[in-house]
Amino acid sequence: MVDDTLVAAGPMCLLMLADRAVRLLAARRCHHDSGSVSKAAFGLLQGRPLKTLTPKWGKQLAGHAGLTKALGGVQFYFCDPHHLWQKLTVKNTNGLLREFFP
């Protein structure tokens, strides 16, 4: 399962993907729009053996249907609003990364 979060700084953001199963972290800088985020996510996820993705709620991944098709049918699941315990891996990873990217 993969989680994402975006740290915005002006028109750019840092897309972070944390895989809970293998404890992998991948990050890429991209523009803060849906097309750029989907393209960056595809670049980070391409070639990985994924079955599901669990992104945060947000307009940046509004193009998730295209990403699902491009990744060979990977199923997207969205966490329930206000259920932060469903996103603990990303929250912990964000805290660690903010030490290096304040």
PDB file of N, CA and C in Angstrom:
ATOM      1  N   MET A   1       0.840  -1.172   0.000  1.00  0.00           N
ATOM      2  CA  MET A   1       0.000   0.000   0.000  1.00  0.00           C
ATOM      3  C   MET A   1       0.889   1.240   0.000  1.00  0.00           C
ATOM      4  N   VAL A   2       0.514   2.266  -0.700  1.00  0.00           N
ATOM      5  CA  VAL A   2       1.315   3.473  -0.825  1.00  0.00           C
ATOM      6  C   VAL A   2       0.499   4.652  -0.332  1.00  0.00           C
ATOM      7  N   ASP A   3       1.133   5.540   0.391  1.00  0.00           N
ATOM      8  CA  ASP A   3       0.491   6.764   0.853  1.00  0.00           C
ATOM      9  C   ASP A   3       1.228   7.944   0.264  1.00  0.00           C
ATOM     10  N   ASP A   4       0.560   9.063   0.183  1.00  0.00           N
ATOM     11  CA  ASP A   4       1.221  10.239  -0.339  1.00  0.00           C
ATOM     12  C   ASP A   4       0.882  11.447   0.498  1.00  0.00           C
ATOM     13  N   THR A   5       1.701  12.446   0.363  1.00  0.00           N
ATOM     14  CA  THR A   5       1.397  13.744   0.935  1.00  0.00           C
ATOM     15  C   THR A   5       2.144  14.779   0.134  1.00  0.00           C
ATOM     16  N   LEU A   6       1.668  15.970   0.159  1.00  0.00           N
ATOM     17  CA  LEU A   6       2.300  17.037  -0.588  1.00  0.00           C
ATOM     18  C   LEU A   6       2.691  18.154   0.359  1.00  0.00           C
ATOM     19  N   VAL A   7       3.930  18.571   0.264  1.00  0.00           N
ATOM     20  CA  VAL A   7       4.405  19.706   1.035  1.00  0.00           C
ATOM     21  C   VAL A   7       4.558  20.841   0.040  1.00  0.00           C
ATOM     22  N   ALA A   8       3.688  21.818   0.104  1.00  0.00           N
ATOM     23  CA  ALA A   8       3.676  22.890  -0.879  1.00  0.00           C
ATOM     24  C   ALA A   8       4.567  24.045  -0.463  1.00  0.00           C
ATOM     25  N   ALA A   9       5.260  24.604  -1.437  1.00  0.00           N
ATOM     26  CA  ALA A   9       6.068  25.806  -1.248  1.00  0.00           C
ATOM     27  C   ALA A   9       5.924  26.628  -2.518  1.00  0.00           C
ATOM     28  N   GLY A  10       4.936  27.502  -2.559  1.00  0.00           N
ATOM     29  CA  GLY A  10       4.668  28.262  -3.766  1.00  0.00           C
ATOM     30  C   GLY A  10       4.044  27.354  -4.815  1.00  0.00           C
ATOM     31  N   PRO A  11       4.479  27.498  -6.087  1.00  0.00           N
ATOM     32  CA  PRO A  11       3.896  26.670  -7.142  1.00  0.00           C
ATOM     33  C   PRO A  11       4.432  25.241  -7.160  1.00  0.00           C
ATOM     34  N   MET A  12       5.493  24.976  -6.400  1.00  0.00           N
ATOM     35  CA  MET A  12       6.105  23.648  -6.371  1.00  0.00           C
ATOM     36  C   MET A  12       5.708  22.905  -5.097  1.00  0.00           C
ATOM     37  N   CYS A  13       5.833  21.587  -5.144  1.00  0.00           N
ATOM     38  CA  CYS A  13       5.548  20.773  -3.972  1.00  0.00           C
ATOM     39  C   CYS A  13       6.480  19.571  -3.964  1.00  0.00           C
ATOM     40  N   LEU A  14       6.500  18.887  -2.865  1.00  0.00           N
ATOM     41  CA  LEU A  14       7.270  17.655  -2.739  1.00  0.00           C
ATOM     42  C   LEU A  14       6.270  16.515  -2.603  1.00  0.00           C
ATOM     43  N   LEU A  15       6.248  15.640  -3.591  1.00  0.00           N
ATOM     44  CA  LEU A  15       5.377  14.470  -3.564  1.00  0.00           C
ATOM     45  C   LEU A  15       6.137  13.359  -2.861  1.00  0.00           C
ATOM     46  N   MET A  16       5.568  12.828  -1.794  1.00  0.00           N
ATOM     47  CA  MET A  16       6.220  11.763  -1.038  1.00  0.00           C
ATOM     48  C   MET A  16       5.331  10.532  -1.045  1.00  0.00           C
ATOM     49  N   LEU A  17       5.916   9.402  -1.370  1.00  0.00           N
ATOM     50  CA  LEU A  17       5.192   8.139  -1.393  1.00  0.00           C
ATOM     51  C   LEU A  17       5.877   7.179  -0.438  1.00  0.00           C
ATOM     52  N   ALA A  18       5.145   6.689   0.526  1.00  0.00           N
ATOM     53  CA  ALA A  18       5.696   5.756   1.512  1.00  0.00           C
ATOM     54  C   ALA A  18       4.976   4.426   1.384  1.00  0.00           C
ATOM     55  N   ASP A  19       5.719   3.377   1.137  1.00  0.00           N
ATOM     56  CA  ASP A  19       5.155   2.040   1.032  1.00  0.00           C
ATOM     57  C   ASP A  19       5.288   1.359   2.383  1.00  0.00           C
ATOM     58  N   ARG A  20       4.157   1.105   3.030  1.00  0.00           N
ATOM     59  CA  ARG A  20       4.176   0.507   4.368  1.00  0.00           C
ATOM     60  C   ARG A  20       4.678  -0.927   4.353  1.00  0.00           C
ATOM     61  N   ALA A  21       4.419  -1.653   3.282  1.00  0.00           N
ATOM     62  CA  ALA A  21       4.776  -3.073   3.247  1.00  0.00           C
ATOM     63  C   ALA A  21       6.285  -3.289   3.226  1.00  0.00           C
ATOM     64  N   VAL A  22       6.998  -2.506   2.428  1.00  0.00           N
ATOM     65  CA  VAL A  22       8.450  -2.696   2.311  1.00  0.00           C
ATOM     66  C   VAL A  22       9.244  -1.555   2.937  1.00  0.00           C
ATOM     67  N   ARG A  23       8.548  -0.606   3.551  1.00  0.00           N
ATOM     68  CA  ARG A  23       9.195   0.542   4.205  1.00  0.00           C
ATOM     69  C   ARG A  23      10.068   1.328   3.234  1.00  0.00           C
ATOM     70  N   LEU A  24       9.519   1.606   2.059  1.00  0.00           N
ATOM     71  CA  LEU A  24      10.212   2.357   1.030  1.00  0.00           C
ATOM     72  C   LEU A  24       9.675   3.780   1.004  1.00  0.00           C
ATOM     73  N   LEU A  25      10.554   4.744   0.862  1.00  0.00           N
ATOM     74  CA  LEU A  25      10.150   6.137   0.705  1.00  0.00           C
ATOM     75  C   LEU A  25      10.688   6.640  -0.623  1.00  0.00           C
ATOM     76  N   ALA A  26       9.829   7.229  -1.424  1.00  0.00           N
ATOM     77  CA  ALA A  26      10.224   7.838  -2.688  1.00  0.00           C
ATOM     78  C   ALA A  26       9.659   9.250  -2.699  1.00  0.00           C
ATOM     79  N   ALA A  27      10.435  10.193  -3.212  1.00  0.00           N
ATOM     80  CA  ALA A  27       9.985  11.588  -3.241  1.00  0.00           C
ATOM     81  C   ALA A  27      10.409  12.224  -4.556  1.00  0.00           C
ATOM     82  N   ARG A  28       9.605  13.173  -4.995  1.00  0.00           N
ATOM     83  CA  ARG A  28       9.925  13.901  -6.212  1.00  0.00           C
ATOM     84  C   ARG A  28       9.324  15.297  -6.115  1.00  0.00           C
ATOM     85  N   ARG A  29      10.068  16.273  -6.569  1.00  0.00           N
ATOM     86  CA  ARG A  29       9.595  17.657  -6.619  1.00  0.00           C
ATOM     87  C   ARG A  29       8.793  17.834  -7.909  1.00  0.00           C
ATOM     88  N   CYS A  30       7.650  18.494  -7.799  1.00  0.00           N
ATOM     89  CA  CYS A  30       6.820  18.706  -8.980  1.00  0.00           C
ATOM     90  C   CYS A  30       5.956  19.950  -8.778  1.00  0.00           C
ATOM     91  N   HIS A  31       5.272  20.353  -9.856  1.00  0.00           N
ATOM     92  CA  HIS A  31       4.328  21.464  -9.752  1.00  0.00           C
ATOM     93  C   HIS A  31       3.099  20.993  -8.991  1.00  0.00           C
ATOM     94  N   HIS A  32       2.396  21.943  -8.398  1.00  0.00           N
ATOM     95  CA  HIS A  32       1.284  21.649  -7.490  1.00  0.00           C
ATOM     96  C   HIS A  32      -0.051  21.591  -8.233  1.00  0.00           C
ATOM     97  N   ASP A  33      -0.099  20.887  -9.374  1.00  0.00           N
ATOM     98  CA  ASP A  33      -1.366  20.722 -10.086  1.00  0.00           C
ATOM     99  C   ASP A  33      -1.583  19.237 -10.361  1.00  0.00           C
ATOM    100  N   SER A  34      -2.808  18.884 -10.655  1.00  0.00           N
ATOM    101  CA  SER A  34      -3.189  17.480 -10.785  1.00  0.00           C
ATOM    102  C   SER A  34      -2.370  16.740 -11.843  1.00  0.00           C
ATOM    103  N   GLY A  35      -2.171  17.353 -12.990  1.00  0.00           N
ATOM    104  CA  GLY A  35      -1.421  16.701 -14.065  1.00  0.00           C
ATOM    105  C   GLY A  35       0.023  16.433 -13.695  1.00  0.00           C
ATOM    106  N   SER A  36       0.677  17.424 -13.098  1.00  0.00           N
ATOM    107  CA  SER A  36       2.080  17.263 -12.698  1.00  0.00           C
ATOM    108  C   SER A  36       2.236  16.230 -11.592  1.00  0.00           C
ATOM    109  N   VAL A  37       1.312  16.240 -10.638  1.00  0.00           N
ATOM    110  CA  VAL A  37       1.378  15.280  -9.534  1.00  0.00           C
ATOM    111  C   VAL A  37       1.157  13.861 -10.051  1.00  0.00           C
ATOM    112  N   SER A  38       0.189  13.675 -10.943  1.00  0.00           N
ATOM    113  CA  SER A  38      -0.058  12.343 -11.507  1.00  0.00           C
ATOM    114  C   SER A  38       1.148  11.852 -12.297  1.00  0.00           C
ATOM    115  N   LYS A  39       1.762  12.751 -13.067  1.00  0.00           N
ATOM    116  CA  LYS A  39       2.945  12.385 -13.851  1.00  0.00           C
ATOM    117  C   LYS A  39       4.111  12.004 -12.939  1.00  0.00           C
ATOM    118  N   ALA A  40       4.327  12.778 -11.879  1.00  0.00           N
ATOM    119  CA  ALA A  40       5.402  12.482 -10.931  1.00  0.00           C
ATOM    120  C   ALA A  40       5.130  11.173 -10.194  1.00  0.00           C
ATOM    121  N   ALA A  41       3.880  10.955  -9.800  1.00  0.00           N
ATOM    122  CA  ALA A  41       3.523   9.713  -9.104  1.00  0.00           C
ATOM    123  C   ALA A  41       3.740   8.511 -10.016  1.00  0.00           C
ATOM    124  N   PHE A  42       3.373   8.643 -11.286  1.00  0.00           N
ATOM    125  CA  PHE A  42       3.583   7.548 -12.233  1.00  0.00           C
ATOM    126  C   PHE A  42       5.071   7.243 -12.363  1.00  0.00           C
ATOM    127  N   GLY A  43       5.895   8.287 -12.444  1.00  0.00           N
ATOM    128  CA  GLY A  43       7.339   8.086 -12.542  1.00  0.00           C
ATOM    129  C   GLY A  43       7.915   7.370 -11.331  1.00  0.00           C
ATOM    130  N   LEU A  44       7.390   7.677 -10.160  1.00  0.00           N
ATOM    131  CA  LEU A  44       7.878   7.037  -8.936  1.00  0.00           C
ATOM    132  C   LEU A  44       7.356   5.608  -8.772  1.00  0.00           C
ATOM    133  N   LEU A  45       6.167   5.331  -9.292  1.00  0.00           N
ATOM    134  CA  LEU A  45       5.522   4.035  -9.067  1.00  0.00           C
ATOM    135  C   LEU A  45       5.710   3.036 -10.201  1.00  0.00           C
ATOM    136  N   GLN A  46       6.089   3.520 -11.363  1.00  0.00           N
ATOM    137  CA  GLN A  46       6.225   2.662 -12.533  1.00  0.00           C
ATOM    138  C   GLN A  46       7.224   1.535 -12.256  1.00  0.00           C
ATOM    139  N   GLY A  47       6.829   0.320 -12.575  1.00  0.00           N
ATOM    140  CA  GLY A  47       7.708  -0.827 -12.412  1.00  0.00           C
ATOM    141  C   GLY A  47       7.703  -1.452 -11.027  1.00  0.00           C
ATOM    142  N   ARG A  48       6.923  -0.893 -10.110  1.00  0.00           N
ATOM    143  CA  ARG A  48       6.842  -1.460  -8.758  1.00  0.00           C
ATOM    144  C   ARG A  48       5.647  -2.417  -8.694  1.00  0.00           C
ATOM    145  N   PRO A  49       5.774  -3.510  -7.955  1.00  0.00           N
ATOM    146  CA  PRO A  49       4.669  -4.477  -7.866  1.00  0.00           C
ATOM    147  C   PRO A  49       3.580  -4.004  -6.908  1.00  0.00           C
ATOM    148  N   LEU A  50       2.703  -3.134  -7.384  1.00  0.00           N
ATOM    149  CA  LEU A  50       1.649  -2.557  -6.550  1.00  0.00           C
ATOM    150  C   LEU A  50       0.297  -3.175  -6.887  1.00  0.00           C
ATOM    151  N   LYS A  51      -0.548  -3.283  -5.885  1.00  0.00           N
ATOM    152  CA  LYS A  51      -1.922  -3.733  -6.097  1.00  0.00           C
ATOM    153  C   LYS A  51      -2.913  -2.651  -5.712  1.00  0.00           C
ATOM    154  N   THR A  52      -2.585  -1.881  -4.670  1.00  0.00           N
ATOM    155  CA  THR A  52      -3.482  -0.814  -4.223  1.00  0.00           C
ATOM    156  C   THR A  52      -2.682   0.434  -3.899  1.00  0.00           C
ATOM    157  N   LEU A  53      -3.364   1.561  -3.957  1.00  0.00           N
ATOM    158  CA  LEU A  53      -2.817   2.852  -3.553  1.00  0.00           C
ATOM    159  C   LEU A  53      -3.820   3.508  -2.625  1.00  0.00           C
ATOM    160  N   THR A  54      -3.334   4.156  -1.586  1.00  0.00           N
ATOM    161  CA  THR A  54      -4.206   4.866  -0.659  1.00  0.00           C
ATOM    162  C   THR A  54      -3.701   6.299  -0.526  1.00  0.00           C
ATOM    163  N   PRO A  55      -4.132   7.193  -1.413  1.00  0.00           N
ATOM    164  CA  PRO A  55      -3.690   8.580  -1.313  1.00  0.00           C
ATOM    165  C   PRO A  55      -4.550   9.364  -0.338  1.00  0.00           C
ATOM    166  N   LYS A  56      -4.055  10.535   0.030  1.00  0.00           N
ATOM    167  CA  LYS A  56      -4.869  11.414   0.862  1.00  0.00           C
ATOM    168  C   LYS A  56      -5.936  12.056  -0.015  1.00  0.00           C
ATOM    169  N   TRP A  57      -6.944  12.598   0.617  1.00  0.00           N
ATOM    170  CA  TRP A  57      -7.970  13.326  -0.119  1.00  0.00           C
ATOM    171  C   TRP A  57      -7.357  14.634  -0.583  1.00  0.00           C
ATOM    172  N   GLY A  58      -7.559  14.992  -1.824  1.00  0.00           N
ATOM    173  CA  GLY A  58      -7.045  16.262  -2.319  1.00  0.00           C
ATOM    174  C   GLY A  58      -7.220  16.361  -3.821  1.00  0.00           C
ATOM    175  N   LYS A  59      -7.251  17.574  -4.309  1.00  0.00           N
ATOM    176  CA  LYS A  59      -7.461  17.786  -5.738  1.00  0.00           C
ATOM    177  C   LYS A  59      -6.244  17.406  -6.564  1.00  0.00           C
ATOM    178  N   GLN A  60      -5.072  17.257  -5.928  1.00  0.00           N
ATOM    179  CA  GLN A  60      -3.867  16.946  -6.673  1.00  0.00           C
ATOM    180  C   GLN A  60      -3.941  15.580  -7.354  1.00  0.00           C
ATOM    181  N   LEU A  61      -4.652  14.642  -6.779  1.00  0.00           N
ATOM    182  CA  LEU A  61      -4.794  13.319  -7.395  1.00  0.00           C
ATOM    183  C   LEU A  61      -6.189  13.117  -7.973  1.00  0.00           C
ATOM    184  N   ALA A  62      -6.761  14.216  -8.479  1.00  0.00           N
ATOM    185  CA  ALA A  62      -8.073  14.123  -9.113  1.00  0.00           C
ATOM    186  C   ALA A  62      -8.010  13.238 -10.354  1.00  0.00           C
ATOM    187  N   GLY A  63      -6.835  13.128 -10.961  1.00  0.00           N
ATOM    188  CA  GLY A  63      -6.669  12.294 -12.144  1.00  0.00           C
ATOM    189  C   GLY A  63      -6.290  10.864 -11.819  1.00  0.00           C
ATOM    190  N   HIS A  64      -6.762  10.349 -10.691  1.00  0.00           N
ATOM    191  CA  HIS A  64      -6.366   9.008 -10.273  1.00  0.00           C
ATOM    192  C   HIS A  64      -6.853   7.918 -11.226  1.00  0.00           C
ATOM    193  N   ALA A  65      -7.928   8.163 -11.962  1.00  0.00           N
ATOM    194  CA  ALA A  65      -8.421   7.148 -12.904  1.00  0.00           C
ATOM    195  C   ALA A  65      -7.402   6.914 -14.019  1.00  0.00           C
ATOM    196  N   GLY A  66      -6.806   7.985 -14.514  1.00  0.00           N
ATOM    197  CA  GLY A  66      -5.771   7.849 -15.542  1.00  0.00           C
ATOM    198  C   GLY A  66      -4.528   7.161 -15.009  1.00  0.00           C
ATOM    199  N   LEU A  67      -4.188   7.458 -13.764  1.00  0.00           N
ATOM    200  CA  LEU A  67      -3.033   6.823 -13.131  1.00  0.00           C
ATOM    201  C   LEU A  67      -3.297   5.337 -12.914  1.00  0.00           C
ATOM    202  N   THR A  68      -4.526   4.986 -12.546  1.00  0.00           N
ATOM    203  CA  THR A  68      -4.903   3.581 -12.378  1.00  0.00           C
ATOM    204  C   THR A  68      -4.707   2.818 -13.686  1.00  0.00           C
ATOM    205  N   LYS A  69      -5.167   3.409 -14.772  1.00  0.00           N
ATOM    206  CA  LYS A  69      -5.038   2.771 -16.085  1.00  0.00           C
ATOM    207  C   LYS A  69      -3.572   2.645 -16.491  1.00  0.00           C
ATOM    208  N   ALA A  70      -2.790   3.708 -16.285  1.00  0.00           N
ATOM    209  CA  ALA A  70      -1.376   3.707 -16.666  1.00  0.00           C
ATOM    210  C   ALA A  70      -0.560   2.703 -15.860  1.00  0.00           C
ATOM    211  N   LEU A  71      -0.962   2.441 -14.625  1.00  0.00           N
ATOM    212  CA  LEU A  71      -0.227   1.509 -13.766  1.00  0.00           C
ATOM    213  C   LEU A  71      -0.763   0.082 -13.856  1.00  0.00           C
ATOM    214  N   GLY A  72      -1.615  -0.177 -14.821  1.00  0.00           N
ATOM    215  CA  GLY A  72      -2.084  -1.543 -15.039  1.00  0.00           C
ATOM    216  C   GLY A  72      -3.201  -1.989 -14.122  1.00  0.00           C
ATOM    217  N   GLY A  73      -4.103  -1.081 -13.769  1.00  0.00           N
ATOM    218  CA  GLY A  73      -5.268  -1.464 -12.980  1.00  0.00           C
ATOM    219  C   GLY A  73      -5.086  -1.416 -11.480  1.00  0.00           C
ATOM    220  N   VAL A  74      -4.084  -0.696 -11.006  1.00  0.00           N
ATOM    221  CA  VAL A  74      -3.897  -0.542  -9.558  1.00  0.00           C
ATOM    222  C   VAL A  74      -5.136   0.134  -8.988  1.00  0.00           C
ATOM    223  N   GLN A  75      -5.703  -0.429  -7.932  1.00  0.00           N
ATOM    224  CA  GLN A  75      -6.927   0.088  -7.320  1.00  0.00           C
ATOM    225  C   GLN A  75      -6.615   1.198  -6.321  1.00  0.00           C
ATOM    226  N   PHE A  76      -7.334   2.312  -6.419  1.00  0.00           N
ATOM    227  CA  PHE A  76      -7.194   3.415  -5.472  1.00  0.00           C
ATOM    228  C   PHE A  76      -8.225   3.282  -4.363  1.00  0.00           C
ATOM    229  N   TYR A  77      -7.806   3.485  -3.136  1.00  0.00           N
ATOM    230  CA  TYR A  77      -8.689   3.561  -1.974  1.00  0.00           C
ATOM    231  C   TYR A  77      -8.374   4.868  -1.264  1.00  0.00           C
ATOM    232  N   PHE A  78      -9.384   5.553  -0.795  1.00  0.00           N
ATOM    233  CA  PHE A  78      -9.179   6.809  -0.082  1.00  0.00           C
ATOM    234  C   PHE A  78      -9.540   6.616   1.382  1.00  0.00           C
ATOM    235  N   CYS A  79      -8.713   7.169   2.263  1.00  0.00           N
ATOM    236  CA  CYS A  79      -8.974   7.069   3.704  1.00  0.00           C
ATOM    237  C   CYS A  79     -10.232   7.847   4.061  1.00  0.00           C
ATOM    238  N   ASP A  80     -10.855   7.434   5.130  1.00  0.00           N
ATOM    239  CA  ASP A  80     -12.031   8.138   5.615  1.00  0.00           C
ATOM    240  C   ASP A  80     -11.619   9.495   6.172  1.00  0.00           C
ATOM    241  N   PRO A  81     -12.415  10.546   5.906  1.00  0.00           N
ATOM    242  CA  PRO A  81     -12.098  11.861   6.459  1.00  0.00           C
ATOM    243  C   PRO A  81     -12.033  11.818   7.986  1.00  0.00           C
ATOM    244  N   HIS A  82     -11.087  12.525   8.543  1.00  0.00           N
ATOM    245  CA  HIS A  82     -10.911  12.668   9.995  1.00  0.00           C
ATOM    246  C   HIS A  82     -10.526  11.359  10.686  1.00  0.00           C
ATOM    247  N   HIS A  83      -9.971  10.402   9.951  1.00  0.00           N
ATOM    248  CA  HIS A  83      -9.484   9.145  10.527  1.00  0.00           C
ATOM    249  C   HIS A  83      -7.965   9.096  10.342  1.00  0.00           C
ATOM    250  N   LEU A  84      -7.253   9.904  11.104  1.00  0.00           N
ATOM    251  CA  LEU A  84      -5.812  10.040  10.931  1.00  0.00           C
ATOM    252  C   LEU A  84      -5.054   8.749  11.186  1.00  0.00           C
ATOM    253  N   TRP A  85      -5.594   7.857  11.981  1.00  0.00           N
ATOM    254  CA  TRP A  85      -4.879   6.607  12.260  1.00  0.00           C
ATOM    255  C   TRP A  85      -4.726   5.749  11.007  1.00  0.00           C
ATOM    256  N   GLN A  86      -5.479   6.052   9.956  1.00  0.00           N
ATOM    257  CA  GLN A  86      -5.333   5.326   8.701  1.00  0.00           C
ATOM    258  C   GLN A  86      -4.113   5.810   7.918  1.00  0.00           C
ATOM    259  N   LYS A  87      -3.482   6.874   8.387  1.00  0.00           N
ATOM    260  CA  LYS A  87      -2.360   7.478   7.671  1.00  0.00           C
ATOM    261  C   LYS A  87      -1.107   7.597   8.540  1.00  0.00           C
ATOM    262  N   LEU A  88      -0.920   6.713   9.507  1.00  0.00           N
ATOM    263  CA  LEU A  88       0.182   6.868  10.453  1.00  0.00           C
ATOM    264  C   LEU A  88       1.560   6.790   9.823  1.00  0.00           C
ATOM    265  N   THR A  89       1.768   5.930   8.838  1.00  0.00           N
ATOM    266  CA  THR A  89       3.086   5.819   8.209  1.00  0.00           C
ATOM    267  C   THR A  89       3.501   7.138   7.588  1.00  0.00           C
ATOM    268  N   VAL A  90       2.584   7.759   6.858  1.00  0.00           N
ATOM    269  CA  VAL A  90       2.914   9.026   6.212  1.00  0.00           C
ATOM    270  C   VAL A  90       3.106  10.135   7.240  1.00  0.00           C
ATOM    271  N   LYS A  91       2.281  10.166   8.260  1.00  0.00           N
ATOM    272  CA  LYS A  91       2.428  11.205   9.283  1.00  0.00           C
ATOM    273  C   LYS A  91       3.794  11.100   9.961  1.00  0.00           C
ATOM    274  N   ASN A  92       4.224   9.896  10.292  1.00  0.00           N
ATOM    275  CA  ASN A  92       5.534   9.714  10.911  1.00  0.00           C
ATOM    276  C   ASN A  92       6.655  10.081   9.941  1.00  0.00           C
ATOM    277  N   THR A  93       6.520   9.675   8.686  1.00  0.00           N
ATOM    278  CA  THR A  93       7.527   9.987   7.679  1.00  0.00           C
ATOM    279  C   THR A  93       7.608  11.485   7.443  1.00  0.00           C
ATOM    280  N   ASN A  94       6.462  12.154   7.416  1.00  0.00           N
ATOM    281  CA  ASN A  94       6.454  13.609   7.239  1.00  0.00           C
ATOM    282  C   ASN A  94       7.236  14.293   8.345  1.00  0.00           C
ATOM    283  N   GLY A  95       7.042  13.848   9.567  1.00  0.00           N
ATOM    284  CA  GLY A  95       7.762  14.437  10.688  1.00  0.00           C
ATOM    285  C   GLY A  95       9.263  14.300  10.530  1.00  0.00           C
ATOM    286  N   LEU A  96       9.712  13.147  10.067  1.00  0.00           N
ATOM    287  CA  LEU A  96      11.143  12.940   9.845  1.00  0.00           C
ATOM    288  C   LEU A  96      11.662  13.800   8.697  1.00  0.00           C
ATOM    289  N   LEU A  97      10.906  13.883   7.606  1.00  0.00           N
ATOM    290  CA  LEU A  97      11.353  14.667   6.458  1.00  0.00           C
ATOM    291  C   LEU A  97      11.354  16.166   6.736  1.00  0.00           C
ATOM    292  N   ARG A  98      10.463  16.633   7.585  1.00  0.00           N
ATOM    293  CA  ARG A  98      10.417  18.065   7.902  1.00  0.00           C
ATOM    294  C   ARG A  98      11.667  18.523   8.655  1.00  0.00           C
ATOM    295  N   GLU A  99      12.403  17.587   9.236  1.00  0.00           N
ATOM    296  CA  GLU A  99      13.678  17.947   9.851  1.00  0.00           C
ATOM    297  C   GLU A  99      14.680  18.394   8.793  1.00  0.00           C
ATOM    298  N   PHE A 100      14.569  17.843   7.576  1.00  0.00           N
ATOM    299  CA  PHE A 100      15.495  18.166   6.499  1.00  0.00           C
ATOM    300  C   PHE A 100      14.927  19.187   5.519  1.00  0.00           C
ATOM    301  N   PHE A 101      13.611  19.263   5.399  1.00  0.00           N
ATOM    302  CA  PHE A 101      12.935  20.203   4.502  1.00  0.00           C
ATOM    303  C   PHE A 101      11.935  21.024   5.310  1.00  0.00           C
ATOM    304  N   PRO A 102      12.423  22.010   6.083  1.00  0.00           N
ATOM    305  CA  PRO A 102      11.511  22.777   6.962  1.00  0.00           C
ATOM    306  C   PRO A 102      10.508  23.622   6.194  1.00  0.00           C
TER     307      PRO A 102
END
